[in-house]
Amino acid sequence: MKTRELRELKAEELDQRIREVTQELRDLQLKHRTGEGADKPVRIRLLRREVARMQTVAHVRKAGK
């Protein structure tokens, strides 16, 4: 998701999306470490960046900016 789309989400939706993507990231990291998920290792990097982007939007909201 783009940052603009993330800003349009409600706080509850954003928190839920963070949890979902974080869980997907953990699953992929576990598969990668066990050797099962070598198909798309770039997906791990993309998910990490997406989680960081969402957490940044959530933090800015809480800071009141």
C-alpha atoms as a PDB file:
ATOM      1  CA  MET A   1       0.000   0.000   0.000  1.00  0.00           C
ATOM      2  CA  LYS A   2       1.090   3.509  -0.663  1.00  0.00           C
ATOM      3  CA  THR A   3       1.473   5.995   2.163  1.00  0.00           C
ATOM      4  CA  ARG A   4      -1.471   8.015   0.906  1.00  0.00           C
ATOM      5  CA  GLU A   5      -3.716   4.944   1.144  1.00  0.00           C
ATOM      6  CA  LEU A   6      -2.456   4.179   4.649  1.00  0.00           C
ATOM      7  CA  ARG A   7      -3.295   7.687   5.842  1.00  0.00           C
ATOM      8  CA  GLU A   8      -6.876   7.225   4.648  1.00  0.00           C
ATOM      9  CA  LEU A   9      -7.393   4.130   6.826  1.00  0.00           C
ATOM     10  CA  LYS A  10      -9.010   4.428  10.234  1.00  0.00           C
ATOM     11  CA  ALA A  11      -6.817   3.752  13.264  1.00  0.00           C
ATOM     12  CA  GLU A  12      -8.407   0.352  13.918  1.00  0.00           C
ATOM     13  CA  GLU A  13      -8.010  -0.692  10.294  1.00  0.00           C
ATOM     14  CA  LEU A  14      -4.381   0.411  10.291  1.00  0.00           C
ATOM     15  CA  ASP A  15      -3.632  -1.531  13.489  1.00  0.00           C
ATOM     16  CA  GLN A  16      -5.297  -4.625  12.049  1.00  0.00           C
ATOM     17  CA  ARG A  17      -3.323  -4.297   8.807  1.00  0.00           C
ATOM     18  CA  ILE A  18      -0.071  -3.948  10.778  1.00  0.00           C
ATOM     19  CA  ARG A  19      -0.850  -7.158  12.669  1.00  0.00           C
ATOM     20  CA  GLU A  20      -1.701  -9.049   9.471  1.00  0.00           C
ATOM     21  CA  VAL A  21       1.395  -7.977   7.567  1.00  0.00           C
ATOM     22  CA  THR A  22       3.639  -8.583  10.578  1.00  0.00           C
ATOM     23  CA  GLN A  23       2.283 -12.116  10.900  1.00  0.00           C
ATOM     24  CA  GLU A  24       2.842 -12.748   7.191  1.00  0.00           C
ATOM     25  CA  LEU A  25       6.387 -11.412   7.543  1.00  0.00           C
ATOM     26  CA  ARG A  26       7.098 -13.724  10.490  1.00  0.00           C
ATOM     27  CA  ASP A  27       5.782 -16.713   8.546  1.00  0.00           C
ATOM     28  CA  LEU A  28       7.958 -15.903   5.547  1.00  0.00           C
ATOM     29  CA  GLN A  29      11.024 -15.371   7.729  1.00  0.00           C
ATOM     30  CA  LEU A  30      10.474 -18.737   9.394  1.00  0.00           C
ATOM     31  CA  LYS A  31      10.073 -20.467   6.042  1.00  0.00           C
ATOM     32  CA  HIS A  32      13.172 -18.728   4.732  1.00  0.00           C
ATOM     33  CA  ARG A  33      15.227 -19.852   7.733  1.00  0.00           C
ATOM     34  CA  THR A  34      14.078 -23.447   7.378  1.00  0.00           C
ATOM     35  CA  GLY A  35      14.762 -23.431   3.650  1.00  0.00           C
ATOM     36  CA  GLU A  36      11.139 -23.790   2.511  1.00  0.00           C
ATOM     37  CA  GLY A  37      10.444 -20.272   1.292  1.00  0.00           C
ATOM     38  CA  ALA A  38      13.297 -19.630  -1.095  1.00  0.00           C
ATOM     39  CA  ASP A  39      10.853 -18.772  -3.898  1.00  0.00           C
ATOM     40  CA  LYS A  40      10.406 -15.072  -3.142  1.00  0.00           C
ATOM     41  CA  PRO A  41      13.034 -13.765  -0.732  1.00  0.00           C
ATOM     42  CA  VAL A  42      12.448 -10.211  -1.961  1.00  0.00           C
ATOM     43  CA  ARG A  43       8.930 -10.395  -0.474  1.00  0.00           C
ATOM     44  CA  ILE A  44      10.481 -10.316   3.019  1.00  0.00           C
ATOM     45  CA  ARG A  45      12.163  -6.995   2.273  1.00  0.00           C
ATOM     46  CA  LEU A  46       8.971  -5.533   0.821  1.00  0.00           C
ATOM     47  CA  LEU A  47       6.924  -6.595   3.845  1.00  0.00           C
ATOM     48  CA  ARG A  48       9.494  -5.132   6.260  1.00  0.00           C
ATOM     49  CA  ARG A  49       9.280  -1.815   4.465  1.00  0.00           C
ATOM     50  CA  GLU A  50       5.487  -1.928   4.416  1.00  0.00           C
ATOM     51  CA  VAL A  51       5.338  -2.579   8.167  1.00  0.00           C
ATOM     52  CA  ALA A  52       7.740   0.314   8.791  1.00  0.00           C
ATOM     53  CA  ARG A  53       5.633   2.596   6.597  1.00  0.00           C
ATOM     54  CA  MET A  54       2.449   1.660   8.474  1.00  0.00           C
ATOM     55  CA  GLN A  55       4.096   2.085  11.873  1.00  0.00           C
ATOM     56  CA  THR A  56       5.324   5.521  10.831  1.00  0.00           C
ATOM     57  CA  VAL A  57       1.817   6.599   9.848  1.00  0.00           C
ATOM     58  CA  ALA A  58       0.446   5.260  13.150  1.00  0.00           C
ATOM     59  CA  HIS A  59       3.157   7.064  15.139  1.00  0.00           C
ATOM     60  CA  VAL A  60       2.545  10.374  13.378  1.00  0.00           C
ATOM     61  CA  ARG A  61      -1.164  10.078  14.174  1.00  0.00           C
ATOM     62  CA  LYS A  62      -0.475   9.426  17.846  1.00  0.00           C
ATOM     63  CA  ALA A  63       1.936  12.354  17.970  1.00  0.00           C
ATOM     64  CA  GLY A  64      -0.869  14.583  16.741  1.00  0.00           C
ATOM     65  CA  LYS A  65       0.717  15.875  13.562  1.00  0.00           C
END
